[in-house]
Amino acid sequence: MIKQRYGGEGQHEPAFVWSAAHQIHSFQAGRRVKVQLAEPATLRWSADEWATYRESRTIDTTLDLHVAELPTQIMRPGAVMFWTIHYADRWEGRNFTLTCR
């Protein structure tokens, strides 16, 4: 019905949200994961156990939240993404993991 009415594909599945208060450890295959922080930062992430890494900067939502999306929708079940946070003046000091299920 929605597709017929609006001519699009309909709504996408909502993203999983990671925050300091809600630290998820896994997500469903094909779904996006957004990291929500209280201050600007760069996420450094790796899908190959840190053999290589990439970075994603947060975007200021103007709602006192800074959000970045990790490219989890390309991961297959069982795959693990490692990531950490670099703020303007410091590192988070630990790594996080997200497992695709």
PDB file of N, CA and C in Angstrom:
ATOM      1  N   MET A   1       0.819  -1.189   0.000  1.00  0.00           N
ATOM      2  CA  MET A   1       0.000   0.000   0.000  1.00  0.00           C
ATOM      3  C   MET A   1       0.869   1.263   0.000  1.00  0.00           C
ATOM      4  N   ILE A   2       1.868   1.305   0.880  1.00  0.00           N
ATOM      5  CA  ILE A   2       2.740   2.481   0.938  1.00  0.00           C
ATOM      6  C   ILE A   2       3.489   2.634  -0.381  1.00  0.00           C
ATOM      7  N   LYS A   3       3.994   1.522  -0.894  1.00  0.00           N
ATOM      8  CA  LYS A   3       4.741   1.580  -2.149  1.00  0.00           C
ATOM      9  C   LYS A   3       3.851   2.100  -3.269  1.00  0.00           C
ATOM     10  N   GLN A   4       2.608   1.630  -3.308  1.00  0.00           N
ATOM     11  CA  GLN A   4       1.688   2.097  -4.336  1.00  0.00           C
ATOM     12  C   GLN A   4       1.395   3.585  -4.171  1.00  0.00           C
ATOM     13  N   ARG A   5       1.170   4.006  -2.950  1.00  0.00           N
ATOM     14  CA  ARG A   5       0.793   5.394  -2.694  1.00  0.00           C
ATOM     15  C   ARG A   5       1.934   6.359  -2.969  1.00  0.00           C
ATOM     16  N   TYR A   6       3.131   6.027  -2.509  1.00  0.00           N
ATOM     17  CA  TYR A   6       4.240   6.969  -2.598  1.00  0.00           C
ATOM     18  C   TYR A   6       5.276   6.609  -3.658  1.00  0.00           C
ATOM     19  N   GLY A   7       5.147   5.453  -4.264  1.00  0.00           N
ATOM     20  CA  GLY A   7       6.040   5.075  -5.343  1.00  0.00           C
ATOM     21  C   GLY A   7       7.435   4.666  -4.918  1.00  0.00           C
ATOM     22  N   GLY A   8       7.663   4.515  -3.622  1.00  0.00           N
ATOM     23  CA  GLY A   8       8.983   4.140  -3.126  1.00  0.00           C
ATOM     24  C   GLY A   8       8.990   2.735  -2.593  1.00  0.00           C
ATOM     25  N   GLU A   9      10.080   2.411  -1.948  1.00  0.00           N
ATOM     26  CA  GLU A   9      10.260   1.081  -1.388  1.00  0.00           C
ATOM     27  C   GLU A   9       9.676   0.959   0.011  1.00  0.00           C
ATOM     28  N   GLY A  10       9.088   2.014   0.533  1.00  0.00           N
ATOM     29  CA  GLY A  10       8.595   1.950   1.905  1.00  0.00           C
ATOM     30  C   GLY A  10       9.706   2.284   2.878  1.00  0.00           C
ATOM     31  N   GLN A  11       9.459   2.112   4.126  1.00  0.00           N
ATOM     32  CA  GLN A  11      10.429   2.450   5.161  1.00  0.00           C
ATOM     33  C   GLN A  11      11.495   1.370   5.291  1.00  0.00           C
ATOM     34  N   HIS A  12      12.714   1.800   5.558  1.00  0.00           N
ATOM     35  CA  HIS A  12      13.797   0.869   5.859  1.00  0.00           C
ATOM     36  C   HIS A  12      13.693   0.477   7.324  1.00  0.00           C
ATOM     37  N   GLU A  13      14.297  -0.633   7.661  1.00  0.00           N
ATOM     38  CA  GLU A  13      14.347  -1.037   9.065  1.00  0.00           C
ATOM     39  C   GLU A  13      15.096   0.030   9.850  1.00  0.00           C
ATOM     40  N   PRO A  14      14.642   0.354  11.051  1.00  0.00           N
ATOM     41  CA  PRO A  14      15.354   1.370  11.835  1.00  0.00           C
ATOM     42  C   PRO A  14      16.748   0.882  12.227  1.00  0.00           C
ATOM     43  N   ALA A  15      17.632   1.831  12.420  1.00  0.00           N
ATOM     44  CA  ALA A  15      19.004   1.509  12.817  1.00  0.00           C
ATOM     45  C   ALA A  15      19.051   1.109  14.285  1.00  0.00           C
ATOM     46  N   PHE A  16      20.005   0.255  14.625  1.00  0.00           N
ATOM     47  CA  PHE A  16      20.318   0.001  16.028  1.00  0.00           C
ATOM     48  C   PHE A  16      21.120   1.205  16.502  1.00  0.00           C
ATOM     49  N   VAL A  17      20.931   1.609  17.754  1.00  0.00           N
ATOM     50  CA  VAL A  17      21.641   2.771  18.287  1.00  0.00           C
ATOM     51  C   VAL A  17      22.496   2.346  19.468  1.00  0.00           C
ATOM     52  N   TRP A  18      23.781   2.681  19.382  1.00  0.00           N
ATOM     53  CA  TRP A  18      24.719   2.471  20.482  1.00  0.00           C
ATOM     54  C   TRP A  18      24.922   3.816  21.154  1.00  0.00           C
ATOM     55  N   SER A  19      24.873   3.842  22.487  1.00  0.00           N
ATOM     56  CA  SER A  19      25.206   5.047  23.252  1.00  0.00           C
ATOM     57  C   SER A  19      25.893   4.606  24.536  1.00  0.00           C
ATOM     58  N   ALA A  20      26.478   5.545  25.254  1.00  0.00           N
ATOM     59  CA  ALA A  20      27.146   5.206  26.514  1.00  0.00           C
ATOM     60  C   ALA A  20      26.171   4.550  27.484  1.00  0.00           C
ATOM     61  N   ALA A  21      24.921   4.958  27.442  1.00  0.00           N
ATOM     62  CA  ALA A  21      23.909   4.396  28.338  1.00  0.00           C
ATOM     63  C   ALA A  21      23.304   3.099  27.808  1.00  0.00           C
ATOM     64  N   HIS A  22      23.492   2.817  26.522  1.00  0.00           N
ATOM     65  CA  HIS A  22      22.893   1.631  25.892  1.00  0.00           C
ATOM     66  C   HIS A  22      23.924   1.031  24.928  1.00  0.00           C
ATOM     67  N   GLN A  23      24.871   0.296  25.478  1.00  0.00           N
ATOM     68  CA  GLN A  23      25.977  -0.249  24.696  1.00  0.00           C
ATOM     69  C   GLN A  23      25.611  -1.618  24.134  1.00  0.00           C
ATOM     70  N   ILE A  24      25.093  -1.618  22.921  1.00  0.00           N
ATOM     71  CA  ILE A  24      24.731  -2.884  22.287  1.00  0.00           C
ATOM     72  C   ILE A  24      26.003  -3.622  21.879  1.00  0.00           C
ATOM     73  N   HIS A  25      25.902  -4.936  21.782  1.00  0.00           N
ATOM     74  CA  HIS A  25      27.053  -5.763  21.421  1.00  0.00           C
ATOM     75  C   HIS A  25      26.813  -6.559  20.141  1.00  0.00           C
ATOM     76  N   SER A  26      25.556  -6.576  19.672  1.00  0.00           N
ATOM     77  CA  SER A  26      25.245  -7.315  18.452  1.00  0.00           C
ATOM     78  C   SER A  26      24.102  -6.621  17.715  1.00  0.00           C
ATOM     79  N   PHE A  27      23.928  -7.014  16.461  1.00  0.00           N
ATOM     80  CA  PHE A  27      22.883  -6.430  15.624  1.00  0.00           C
ATOM     81  C   PHE A  27      22.494  -7.450  14.566  1.00  0.00           C
ATOM     82  N   GLN A  28      21.330  -7.274  13.976  1.00  0.00           N
ATOM     83  CA  GLN A  28      20.851  -8.188  12.950  1.00  0.00           C
ATOM     84  C   GLN A  28      21.530  -7.889  11.614  1.00  0.00           C
ATOM     85  N   ALA A  29      21.829  -8.940  10.871  1.00  0.00           N
ATOM     86  CA  ALA A  29      22.449  -8.792   9.554  1.00  0.00           C
ATOM     87  C   ALA A  29      21.609  -7.867   8.677  1.00  0.00           C
ATOM     88  N   GLY A  30      22.292  -7.007   7.942  1.00  0.00           N
ATOM     89  CA  GLY A  30      21.622  -6.096   7.030  1.00  0.00           C
ATOM     90  C   GLY A  30      21.167  -4.792   7.659  1.00  0.00           C
ATOM     91  N   ARG A  31      21.301  -4.679   8.959  1.00  0.00           N
ATOM     92  CA  ARG A  31      20.830  -3.477   9.658  1.00  0.00           C
ATOM     93  C   ARG A  31      21.979  -2.509   9.906  1.00  0.00           C
ATOM     94  N   ARG A  32      21.648  -1.259  10.020  1.00  0.00           N
ATOM     95  CA  ARG A  32      22.616  -0.207  10.295  1.00  0.00           C
ATOM     96  C   ARG A  32      22.796  -0.049  11.800  1.00  0.00           C
ATOM     97  N   VAL A  33      23.967   0.442  12.202  1.00  0.00           N
ATOM     98  CA  VAL A  33      24.233   0.773  13.607  1.00  0.00           C
ATOM     99  C   VAL A  33      24.730   2.213  13.651  1.00  0.00           C
ATOM    100  N   LYS A  34      24.072   3.019  14.466  1.00  0.00           N
ATOM    101  CA  LYS A  34      24.486   4.411  14.661  1.00  0.00           C
ATOM    102  C   LYS A  34      25.034   4.563  16.068  1.00  0.00           C
ATOM    103  N   VAL A  35      26.142   5.275  16.169  1.00  0.00           N
ATOM    104  CA  VAL A  35      26.772   5.550  17.461  1.00  0.00           C
ATOM    105  C   VAL A  35      26.428   6.982  17.837  1.00  0.00           C
ATOM    106  N   GLN A  36      25.862   7.129  19.019  1.00  0.00           N
ATOM    107  CA  GLN A  36      25.388   8.423  19.505  1.00  0.00           C
ATOM    108  C   GLN A  36      26.261   8.863  20.677  1.00  0.00           C
ATOM    109  N   LEU A  37      26.890  10.028  20.555  1.00  0.00           N
ATOM    110  CA  LEU A  37      27.813  10.524  21.577  1.00  0.00           C
ATOM    111  C   LEU A  37      27.413  11.924  22.035  1.00  0.00           C
ATOM    112  N   ALA A  38      27.923  12.321  23.184  1.00  0.00           N
ATOM    113  CA  ALA A  38      27.603  13.634  23.745  1.00  0.00           C
ATOM    114  C   ALA A  38      28.507  14.738  23.213  1.00  0.00           C
ATOM    115  N   GLU A  39      29.590  14.372  22.525  1.00  0.00           N
ATOM    116  CA  GLU A  39      30.511  15.381  21.998  1.00  0.00           C
ATOM    117  C   GLU A  39      31.077  14.915  20.662  1.00  0.00           C
ATOM    118  N   PRO A  40      31.625  15.832  19.879  1.00  0.00           N
ATOM    119  CA  PRO A  40      32.184  15.454  18.578  1.00  0.00           C
ATOM    120  C   PRO A  40      33.303  14.426  18.737  1.00  0.00           C
ATOM    121  N   ALA A  41      33.384  13.518  17.768  1.00  0.00           N
ATOM    122  CA  ALA A  41      34.412  12.478  17.829  1.00  0.00           C
ATOM    123  C   ALA A  41      34.590  11.846  16.456  1.00  0.00           C
ATOM    124  N   THR A  42      35.630  11.037  16.364  1.00  0.00           N
ATOM    125  CA  THR A  42      35.867  10.206  15.189  1.00  0.00           C
ATOM    126  C   THR A  42      35.844   8.759  15.651  1.00  0.00           C
ATOM    127  N   LEU A  43      35.102   7.924  14.936  1.00  0.00           N
ATOM    128  CA  LEU A  43      35.090   6.491  15.230  1.00  0.00           C
ATOM    129  C   LEU A  43      36.148   5.837  14.355  1.00  0.00           C
ATOM    130  N   ARG A  44      37.023   5.078  14.963  1.00  0.00           N
ATOM    131  CA  ARG A  44      38.006   4.295  14.217  1.00  0.00           C
ATOM    132  C   ARG A  44      37.530   2.858  14.292  1.00  0.00           C
ATOM    133  N   TRP A  45      37.303   2.231  13.128  1.00  0.00           N
ATOM    134  CA  TRP A  45      36.733   0.891  13.109  1.00  0.00           C
ATOM    135  C   TRP A  45      37.485  -0.027  12.152  1.00  0.00           C
ATOM    136  N   SER A  46      37.335  -1.329  12.430  1.00  0.00           N
ATOM    137  CA  SER A  46      38.000  -2.351  11.630  1.00  0.00           C
ATOM    138  C   SER A  46      37.104  -3.577  11.524  1.00  0.00           C
ATOM    139  N   ALA A  47      37.046  -4.141  10.339  1.00  0.00           N
ATOM    140  CA  ALA A  47      36.294  -5.378  10.127  1.00  0.00           C
ATOM    141  C   ALA A  47      37.231  -6.570   9.972  1.00  0.00           C
ATOM    142  N   ASP A  48      38.549  -6.363  10.189  1.00  0.00           N
ATOM    143  CA  ASP A  48      39.520  -7.451  10.040  1.00  0.00           C
ATOM    144  C   ASP A  48      40.496  -7.504  11.224  1.00  0.00           C
ATOM    145  N   GLU A  49      39.964  -7.323  12.415  1.00  0.00           N
ATOM    146  CA  GLU A  49      40.737  -7.407  13.664  1.00  0.00           C
ATOM    147  C   GLU A  49      41.924  -6.448  13.681  1.00  0.00           C
ATOM    148  N   TRP A  50      41.735  -5.248  13.200  1.00  0.00           N
ATOM    149  CA  TRP A  50      42.710  -4.155  13.213  1.00  0.00           C
ATOM    150  C   TRP A  50      43.857  -4.324  12.214  1.00  0.00           C
ATOM    151  N   ALA A  51      43.763  -5.280  11.281  1.00  0.00           N
ATOM    152  CA  ALA A  51      44.787  -5.364  10.233  1.00  0.00           C
ATOM    153  C   ALA A  51      44.745  -4.080   9.396  1.00  0.00           C
ATOM    154  N   THR A  52      43.547  -3.573   9.175  1.00  0.00           N
ATOM    155  CA  THR A  52      43.327  -2.275   8.533  1.00  0.00           C
ATOM    156  C   THR A  52      42.222  -1.579   9.310  1.00  0.00           C
ATOM    157  N   TYR A  53      42.106  -0.282   9.118  1.00  0.00           N
ATOM    158  CA  TYR A  53      41.013   0.443   9.775  1.00  0.00           C
ATOM    159  C   TYR A  53      40.563   1.616   8.910  1.00  0.00           C
ATOM    160  N   ARG A  54      39.401   2.100   9.222  1.00  0.00           N
ATOM    161  CA  ARG A  54      38.838   3.297   8.590  1.00  0.00           C
ATOM    162  C   ARG A  54      38.292   4.179   9.691  1.00  0.00           C
ATOM    163  N   GLU A  55      37.929   5.395   9.314  1.00  0.00           N
ATOM    164  CA  GLU A  55      37.397   6.325  10.304  1.00  0.00           C
ATOM    165  C   GLU A  55      36.104   6.960   9.805  1.00  0.00           C
ATOM    166  N   SER A  56      35.208   7.221  10.738  1.00  0.00           N
ATOM    167  CA  SER A  56      33.941   7.900  10.458  1.00  0.00           C
ATOM    168  C   SER A  56      33.767   9.006  11.488  1.00  0.00           C
ATOM    169  N   ARG A  57      33.535  10.207  11.018  1.00  0.00           N
ATOM    170  CA  ARG A  57      33.340  11.336  11.935  1.00  0.00           C
ATOM    171  C   ARG A  57      31.870  11.471  12.307  1.00  0.00           C
ATOM    172  N   THR A  58      31.657  11.929  13.519  1.00  0.00           N
ATOM    173  CA  THR A  58      30.281  12.171  13.943  1.00  0.00           C
ATOM    174  C   THR A  58      29.762  13.455  13.296  1.00  0.00           C
ATOM    175  N   ILE A  59      28.455  13.544  13.227  1.00  0.00           N
ATOM    176  CA  ILE A  59      27.764  14.723  12.715  1.00  0.00           C
ATOM    177  C   ILE A  59      26.982  15.334  13.866  1.00  0.00           C
ATOM    178  N   ASP A  60      27.052  16.632  14.009  1.00  0.00           N
ATOM    179  CA  ASP A  60      26.314  17.347  15.049  1.00  0.00           C
ATOM    180  C   ASP A  60      24.844  17.402  14.652  1.00  0.00           C
ATOM    181  N   THR A  61      23.984  16.822  15.470  1.00  0.00           N
ATOM    182  CA  THR A  61      22.552  16.812  15.174  1.00  0.00           C
ATOM    183  C   THR A  61      21.864  18.097  15.600  1.00  0.00           C
ATOM    184  N   THR A  62      22.556  18.979  16.274  1.00  0.00           N
ATOM    185  CA  THR A  62      22.044  20.221  16.879  1.00  0.00           C
ATOM    186  C   THR A  62      21.083  19.944  18.031  1.00  0.00           C
ATOM    187  N   LEU A  63      21.062  18.720  18.504  1.00  0.00           N
ATOM    188  CA  LEU A  63      20.222  18.328  19.645  1.00  0.00           C
ATOM    189  C   LEU A  63      21.101  17.865  20.800  1.00  0.00           C
ATOM    190  N   ASP A  64      22.310  18.417  20.891  1.00  0.00           N
ATOM    191  CA  ASP A  64      23.303  18.005  21.885  1.00  0.00           C
ATOM    192  C   ASP A  64      23.706  16.548  21.717  1.00  0.00           C
ATOM    193  N   LEU A  65      23.620  16.042  20.499  1.00  0.00           N
ATOM    194  CA  LEU A  65      24.046  14.684  20.173  1.00  0.00           C
ATOM    195  C   LEU A  65      24.912  14.726  18.924  1.00  0.00           C
ATOM    196  N   HIS A  66      25.895  13.857  18.905  1.00  0.00           N
ATOM    197  CA  HIS A  66      26.772  13.712  17.750  1.00  0.00           C
ATOM    198  C   HIS A  66      26.679  12.253  17.323  1.00  0.00           C
ATOM    199  N   VAL A  67      26.376  12.018  16.052  1.00  0.00           N
ATOM    200  CA  VAL A  67      26.059  10.675  15.577  1.00  0.00           C
ATOM    201  C   VAL A  67      26.924  10.310  14.376  1.00  0.00           C
ATOM    202  N   ALA A  68      27.376   9.064  14.365  1.00  0.00           N
ATOM    203  CA  ALA A  68      28.081   8.498  13.208  1.00  0.00           C
ATOM    204  C   ALA A  68      27.506   7.114  12.950  1.00  0.00           C
ATOM    205  N   GLU A  69      27.475   6.741  11.694  1.00  0.00           N
ATOM    206  CA  GLU A  69      26.972   5.420  11.330  1.00  0.00           C
ATOM    207  C   GLU A  69      28.142   4.510  10.982  1.00  0.00           C
ATOM    208  N   LEU A  70      28.157   3.327  11.589  1.00  0.00           N
ATOM    209  CA  LEU A  70      29.150   2.313  11.232  1.00  0.00           C
ATOM    210  C   LEU A  70      28.585   1.510  10.061  1.00  0.00           C
ATOM    211  N   PRO A  71      29.395   1.108   9.083  1.00  0.00           N
ATOM    212  CA  PRO A  71      28.898   0.425   7.890  1.00  0.00           C
ATOM    213  C   PRO A  71      28.601  -1.058   8.137  1.00  0.00           C
ATOM    214  N   THR A  72      27.754  -1.317   9.083  1.00  0.00           N
ATOM    215  CA  THR A  72      27.466  -2.694   9.485  1.00  0.00           C
ATOM    216  C   THR A  72      26.577  -3.442   8.501  1.00  0.00           C
ATOM    217  N   GLN A  73      25.845  -2.749   7.641  1.00  0.00           N
ATOM    218  CA  GLN A  73      24.922  -3.423   6.731  1.00  0.00           C
ATOM    219  C   GLN A  73      25.642  -4.308   5.719  1.00  0.00           C
ATOM    220  N   ILE A  74      26.951  -4.153   5.581  1.00  0.00           N
ATOM    221  CA  ILE A  74      27.712  -4.993   4.644  1.00  0.00           C
ATOM    222  C   ILE A  74      28.247  -6.264   5.304  1.00  0.00           C
ATOM    223  N   MET A  75      28.060  -6.394   6.612  1.00  0.00           N
ATOM    224  CA  MET A  75      28.624  -7.533   7.343  1.00  0.00           C
ATOM    225  C   MET A  75      27.722  -8.762   7.264  1.00  0.00           C
ATOM    226  N   ARG A  76      28.346  -9.924   7.305  1.00  0.00           N
ATOM    227  CA  ARG A  76      27.622 -11.205   7.283  1.00  0.00           C
ATOM    228  C   ARG A  76      27.493 -11.742   8.706  1.00  0.00           C
ATOM    229  N   PRO A  77      26.499 -12.599   8.956  1.00  0.00           N
ATOM    230  CA  PRO A  77      26.347 -13.179  10.300  1.00  0.00           C
ATOM    231  C   PRO A  77      27.644 -13.835  10.776  1.00  0.00           C
ATOM    232  N   GLY A  78      27.986 -13.569  12.016  1.00  0.00           N
ATOM    233  CA  GLY A  78      29.203 -14.097  12.619  1.00  0.00           C
ATOM    234  C   GLY A  78      30.384 -13.141  12.543  1.00  0.00           C
ATOM    235  N   ALA A  79      30.318 -12.161  11.649  1.00  0.00           N
ATOM    236  CA  ALA A  79      31.407 -11.186  11.514  1.00  0.00           C
ATOM    237  C   ALA A  79      31.414 -10.240  12.713  1.00  0.00           C
ATOM    238  N   VAL A  80      32.608  -9.761  13.051  1.00  0.00           N
ATOM    239  CA  VAL A  80      32.768  -8.860  14.195  1.00  0.00           C
ATOM    240  C   VAL A  80      33.431  -7.572  13.724  1.00  0.00           C
ATOM    241  N   MET A  81      32.893  -6.447  14.149  1.00  0.00           N
ATOM    242  CA  MET A  81      33.508  -5.148  13.898  1.00  0.00           C
ATOM    243  C   MET A  81      34.105  -4.652  15.205  1.00  0.00           C
ATOM    244  N   PHE A  82      35.354  -4.220  15.139  1.00  0.00           N
ATOM    245  CA  PHE A  82      36.042  -3.641  16.291  1.00  0.00           C
ATOM    246  C   PHE A  82      36.060  -2.133  16.081  1.00  0.00           C
ATOM    247  N   TRP A  83      35.857  -1.371  17.144  1.00  0.00           N
ATOM    248  CA  TRP A  83      35.883   0.078  16.988  1.00  0.00           C
ATOM    249  C   TRP A  83      36.214   0.772  18.300  1.00  0.00           C
ATOM    250  N   THR A  84      36.668   2.009  18.176  1.00  0.00           N
ATOM    251  CA  THR A  84      36.969   2.831  19.338  1.00  0.00           C
ATOM    252  C   THR A  84      36.621   4.275  19.016  1.00  0.00           C
ATOM    253  N   ILE A  85      36.727   5.132  20.015  1.00  0.00           N
ATOM    254  CA  ILE A  85      36.318   6.531  19.864  1.00  0.00           C
ATOM    255  C   ILE A  85      37.509   7.450  20.120  1.00  0.00           C
ATOM    256  N   HIS A  86      37.705   8.400  19.222  1.00  0.00           N
ATOM    257  CA  HIS A  86      38.722   9.432  19.415  1.00  0.00           C
ATOM    258  C   HIS A  86      38.021  10.787  19.476  1.00  0.00           C
ATOM    259  N   TYR A  87      38.072  11.402  20.654  1.00  0.00           N
ATOM    260  CA  TYR A  87      37.512  12.738  20.838  1.00  0.00           C
ATOM    261  C   TYR A  87      38.568  13.757  20.416  1.00  0.00           C
ATOM    262  N   ALA A  88      38.241  15.018  20.425  1.00  0.00           N
ATOM    263  CA  ALA A  88      39.175  16.064  19.987  1.00  0.00           C
ATOM    264  C   ALA A  88      40.470  16.060  20.794  1.00  0.00           C
ATOM    265  N   ASP A  89      40.380  15.725  22.086  1.00  0.00           N
ATOM    266  CA  ASP A  89      41.551  15.827  22.957  1.00  0.00           C
ATOM    267  C   ASP A  89      41.975  14.522  23.626  1.00  0.00           C
ATOM    268  N   ARG A  90      41.321  13.408  23.272  1.00  0.00           N
ATOM    269  CA  ARG A  90      41.657  12.153  23.951  1.00  0.00           C
ATOM    270  C   ARG A  90      41.033  10.954  23.225  1.00  0.00           C
ATOM    271  N   TRP A  91      41.580   9.775  23.538  1.00  0.00           N
ATOM    272  CA  TRP A  91      40.992   8.513  23.086  1.00  0.00           C
ATOM    273  C   TRP A  91      40.048   8.005  24.169  1.00  0.00           C
ATOM    274  N   GLU A  92      39.101   7.193  23.785  1.00  0.00           N
ATOM    275  CA  GLU A  92      38.188   6.581  24.751  1.00  0.00           C
ATOM    276  C   GLU A  92      38.950   5.685  25.722  1.00  0.00           C
ATOM    277  N   GLY A  93      40.007   5.032  25.236  1.00  0.00           N
ATOM    278  CA  GLY A  93      40.822   4.202  26.114  1.00  0.00           C
ATOM    279  C   GLY A  93      40.416   2.742  26.136  1.00  0.00           C
ATOM    280  N   ARG A  94      39.480   2.372  25.279  1.00  0.00           N
ATOM    281  CA  ARG A  94      39.095   0.960  25.162  1.00  0.00           C
ATOM    282  C   ARG A  94      38.451   0.728  23.806  1.00  0.00           C
ATOM    283  N   ASN A  95      38.409  -0.538  23.420  1.00  0.00           N
ATOM    284  CA  ASN A  95      37.779  -0.937  22.170  1.00  0.00           C
ATOM    285  C   ASN A  95      36.407  -1.519  22.453  1.00  0.00           C
ATOM    286  N   PHE A  96      35.550  -1.437  21.453  1.00  0.00           N
ATOM    287  CA  PHE A  96      34.213  -2.013  21.519  1.00  0.00           C
ATOM    288  C   PHE A  96      34.087  -3.021  20.384  1.00  0.00           C
ATOM    289  N   THR A  97      33.144  -3.938  20.503  1.00  0.00           N
ATOM    290  CA  THR A  97      32.885  -4.890  19.424  1.00  0.00           C
ATOM    291  C   THR A  97      31.394  -4.929  19.125  1.00  0.00           C
ATOM    292  N   LEU A  98      31.094  -5.184  17.863  1.00  0.00           N
ATOM    293  CA  LEU A  98      29.726  -5.408  17.408  1.00  0.00           C
ATOM    294  C   LEU A  98      29.736  -6.692  16.590  1.00  0.00           C
ATOM    295  N   THR A  99      28.894  -7.630  16.960  1.00  0.00           N
ATOM    296  CA  THR A  99      28.817  -8.910  16.262  1.00  0.00           C
ATOM    297  C   THR A  99      27.536  -8.970  15.443  1.00  0.00           C
ATOM    298  N   CYS A 100      27.677  -9.326  14.179  1.00  0.00           N
ATOM    299  CA  CYS A 100      26.529  -9.473  13.291  1.00  0.00           C
ATOM    300  C   CYS A 100      25.873 -10.824  13.567  1.00  0.00           C
ATOM    301  N   ARG A 101      24.558 -10.810  13.774  1.00  0.00           N
ATOM    302  CA  ARG A 101      23.845 -12.074  14.013  1.00  0.00           C
ATOM    303  C   ARG A 101      22.772 -12.304  12.978  1.00  0.00           C
TER     304      ARG A 101
END
